[in-house]
């Protein structure tokens, strides 16, 4: 029998009549959640060094340019931010609507 920290009692309760381990959905959901959080934290540890190199290059480029060039770069950054924010907002609205619809159907 596989024993993991914090899930040992779940594993013991999930044993069948022949002593085989029966996996329940809740145990798999917990493991998936822990894996997702772990991968997210690993991604946070890796991303800052890579992103900081681009910022140093961008800031040195902007500081060496004229005032008109600096305004153009600021406008370009805002222009690139708009589609990303739109997709993120649209996804959040769709997820909210789906969750409300699902809750109404179950309740």
C-alpha atoms as a PDB file:
ATOM      1  CA  UNK A   1       0.000   0.000   0.000  1.00  0.00           C
ATOM      2  CA  UNK A   2       1.285   3.448  -0.924  1.00  0.00           C
ATOM      3  CA  UNK A   3       1.414   5.866   1.990  1.00  0.00           C
ATOM      4  CA  UNK A   4       1.833   9.585   1.593  1.00  0.00           C
ATOM      5  CA  UNK A   5       2.048  12.229   4.300  1.00  0.00           C
ATOM      6  CA  UNK A   6      -1.410  13.412   5.320  1.00  0.00           C
ATOM      7  CA  UNK A   7      -3.250  10.929   3.098  1.00  0.00           C
ATOM      8  CA  UNK A   8      -2.487   7.713   4.992  1.00  0.00           C
ATOM      9  CA  UNK A   9      -5.879   7.598   6.702  1.00  0.00           C
ATOM     10  CA  UNK A  10      -7.632   8.158   3.368  1.00  0.00           C
ATOM     11  CA  UNK A  11      -5.667   5.291   1.854  1.00  0.00           C
ATOM     12  CA  UNK A  12      -6.568   2.967   4.728  1.00  0.00           C
ATOM     13  CA  UNK A  13     -10.280   3.838   4.439  1.00  0.00           C
ATOM     14  CA  UNK A  14     -10.163   3.280   0.691  1.00  0.00           C
ATOM     15  CA  UNK A  15      -8.939  -0.329   0.947  1.00  0.00           C
ATOM     16  CA  UNK A  16     -11.215  -2.894  -0.584  1.00  0.00           C
ATOM     17  CA  UNK A  17     -12.128  -6.374   0.701  1.00  0.00           C
ATOM     18  CA  UNK A  18      -9.118  -8.072  -0.903  1.00  0.00           C
ATOM     19  CA  UNK A  19      -6.688  -5.477   0.491  1.00  0.00           C
ATOM     20  CA  UNK A  20      -6.338  -3.643  -2.816  1.00  0.00           C
ATOM     21  CA  UNK A  21      -6.112   0.122  -2.755  1.00  0.00           C
ATOM     22  CA  UNK A  22      -9.171   1.722  -4.285  1.00  0.00           C
ATOM     23  CA  UNK A  23      -8.549   5.253  -5.515  1.00  0.00           C
ATOM     24  CA  UNK A  24     -11.261   7.799  -4.919  1.00  0.00           C
ATOM     25  CA  UNK A  25     -11.685  10.991  -6.879  1.00  0.00           C
ATOM     26  CA  UNK A  26     -11.047  13.228  -3.863  1.00  0.00           C
ATOM     27  CA  UNK A  27      -7.554  11.806  -3.282  1.00  0.00           C
ATOM     28  CA  UNK A  28      -6.649  12.350  -6.924  1.00  0.00           C
ATOM     29  CA  UNK A  29      -8.021  15.900  -6.789  1.00  0.00           C
ATOM     30  CA  UNK A  30      -5.870  16.663  -3.752  1.00  0.00           C
ATOM     31  CA  UNK A  31      -2.765  15.290  -5.455  1.00  0.00           C
ATOM     32  CA  UNK A  32      -3.553  17.225  -8.634  1.00  0.00           C
ATOM     33  CA  UNK A  33      -3.995  20.423  -6.635  1.00  0.00           C
ATOM     34  CA  UNK A  34      -0.667  19.936  -4.850  1.00  0.00           C
ATOM     35  CA  UNK A  35       1.055  19.219  -8.161  1.00  0.00           C
ATOM     36  CA  UNK A  36      -0.481  22.309  -9.741  1.00  0.00           C
ATOM     37  CA  UNK A  37       0.614  24.548  -6.853  1.00  0.00           C
ATOM     38  CA  UNK A  38       4.110  23.051  -6.934  1.00  0.00           C
ATOM     39  CA  UNK A  39       4.486  23.609 -10.681  1.00  0.00           C
ATOM     40  CA  UNK A  40       3.148  27.159 -10.355  1.00  0.00           C
ATOM     41  CA  UNK A  41       5.695  27.963  -7.631  1.00  0.00           C
ATOM     42  CA  UNK A  42       8.481  26.434  -9.725  1.00  0.00           C
ATOM     43  CA  UNK A  43       7.420  28.632 -12.624  1.00  0.00           C
ATOM     44  CA  UNK A  44       7.584  31.703 -10.395  1.00  0.00           C
ATOM     45  CA  UNK A  45      11.129  30.814  -9.389  1.00  0.00           C
ATOM     46  CA  UNK A  46      12.288  30.434 -12.990  1.00  0.00           C
ATOM     47  CA  UNK A  47      10.534  33.395 -14.636  1.00  0.00           C
ATOM     48  CA  UNK A  48      12.034  36.453 -12.850  1.00  0.00           C
ATOM     49  CA  UNK A  49      15.634  35.950 -14.056  1.00  0.00           C
ATOM     50  CA  UNK A  50      14.482  35.564 -17.652  1.00  0.00           C
ATOM     51  CA  UNK A  51      12.139  38.558 -17.545  1.00  0.00           C
ATOM     52  CA  UNK A  52      14.645  40.849 -15.858  1.00  0.00           C
ATOM     53  CA  UNK A  53      17.034  40.576 -18.812  1.00  0.00           C
ATOM     54  CA  UNK A  54      14.396  41.914 -21.175  1.00  0.00           C
ATOM     55  CA  UNK A  55      13.576  44.781 -18.807  1.00  0.00           C
ATOM     56  CA  UNK A  56      17.237  45.831 -18.599  1.00  0.00           C
ATOM     57  CA  UNK A  57      17.493  45.902 -22.387  1.00  0.00           C
ATOM     58  CA  UNK A  58      14.190  47.747 -22.727  1.00  0.00           C
ATOM     59  CA  UNK A  59      15.021  50.353 -20.068  1.00  0.00           C
ATOM     60  CA  UNK A  60      18.459  51.045 -21.572  1.00  0.00           C
ATOM     61  CA  UNK A  61      16.872  51.439 -25.011  1.00  0.00           C
ATOM     62  CA  UNK A  62      14.190  53.803 -23.714  1.00  0.00           C
ATOM     63  CA  UNK A  63      16.621  55.891 -21.660  1.00  0.00           C
ATOM     64  CA  UNK A  64      18.851  56.392 -24.708  1.00  0.00           C
ATOM     65  CA  UNK A  65      15.980  57.509 -26.951  1.00  0.00           C
ATOM     66  CA  UNK A  66      14.341  60.918 -27.263  1.00  0.00           C
ATOM     67  CA  UNK A  67      11.168  62.025 -25.462  1.00  0.00           C
ATOM     68  CA  UNK A  68       9.098  61.175 -28.534  1.00  0.00           C
ATOM     69  CA  UNK A  69      10.657  57.700 -28.610  1.00  0.00           C
ATOM     70  CA  UNK A  70       9.898  57.188 -24.927  1.00  0.00           C
ATOM     71  CA  UNK A  71       6.251  58.145 -25.483  1.00  0.00           C
ATOM     72  CA  UNK A  72       6.071  55.773 -28.447  1.00  0.00           C
ATOM     73  CA  UNK A  73       7.413  52.865 -26.381  1.00  0.00           C
ATOM     74  CA  UNK A  74       4.933  53.626 -23.583  1.00  0.00           C
ATOM     75  CA  UNK A  75       2.055  53.647 -26.075  1.00  0.00           C
ATOM     76  CA  UNK A  76       3.300  50.392 -27.606  1.00  0.00           C
ATOM     77  CA  UNK A  77       3.390  48.703 -24.201  1.00  0.00           C
ATOM     78  CA  UNK A  78      -0.189  49.803 -23.510  1.00  0.00           C
ATOM     79  CA  UNK A  79      -1.253  48.655 -26.960  1.00  0.00           C
ATOM     80  CA  UNK A  80       0.198  45.189 -26.288  1.00  0.00           C
ATOM     81  CA  UNK A  81      -1.454  45.065 -22.862  1.00  0.00           C
ATOM     82  CA  UNK A  82      -4.996  45.637 -24.163  1.00  0.00           C
ATOM     83  CA  UNK A  83      -5.481  42.280 -26.000  1.00  0.00           C
ATOM     84  CA  UNK A  84      -3.963  40.292 -23.137  1.00  0.00           C
ATOM     85  CA  UNK A  85      -6.181  42.008 -20.566  1.00  0.00           C
ATOM     86  CA  UNK A  86      -9.192  41.510 -22.843  1.00  0.00           C
ATOM     87  CA  UNK A  87      -8.597  37.775 -23.191  1.00  0.00           C
ATOM     88  CA  UNK A  88      -8.012  37.433 -19.449  1.00  0.00           C
ATOM     89  CA  UNK A  89     -11.191  39.355 -18.616  1.00  0.00           C
ATOM     90  CA  UNK A  90     -13.211  37.395 -21.165  1.00  0.00           C
ATOM     91  CA  UNK A  91     -11.968  34.106 -19.727  1.00  0.00           C
ATOM     92  CA  UNK A  92     -12.877  35.161 -16.210  1.00  0.00           C
ATOM     93  CA  UNK A  93     -16.387  36.212 -17.320  1.00  0.00           C
ATOM     94  CA  UNK A  94     -16.901  32.892 -19.117  1.00  0.00           C
ATOM     95  CA  UNK A  95     -15.693  30.923 -16.080  1.00  0.00           C
ATOM     96  CA  UNK A  96     -18.010  32.879 -13.780  1.00  0.00           C
ATOM     97  CA  UNK A  97     -21.025  32.341 -16.043  1.00  0.00           C
ATOM     98  CA  UNK A  98     -20.263  28.621 -16.364  1.00  0.00           C
ATOM     99  CA  UNK A  99     -19.909  28.207 -12.591  1.00  0.00           C
ATOM    100  CA  UNK A 100     -23.227  29.985 -11.924  1.00  0.00           C
ATOM    101  CA  UNK A 101     -24.996  27.902 -14.574  1.00  0.00           C
ATOM    102  CA  UNK A 102     -23.538  24.681 -13.130  1.00  0.00           C
ATOM    103  CA  UNK A 103     -24.515  25.641  -9.578  1.00  0.00           C
ATOM    104  CA  UNK A 104     -28.086  26.444 -10.630  1.00  0.00           C
ATOM    105  CA  UNK A 105     -28.400  23.088 -12.416  1.00  0.00           C
ATOM    106  CA  UNK A 106     -27.109  21.161  -9.389  1.00  0.00           C
ATOM    107  CA  UNK A 107     -29.136  23.085  -6.799  1.00  0.00           C
END
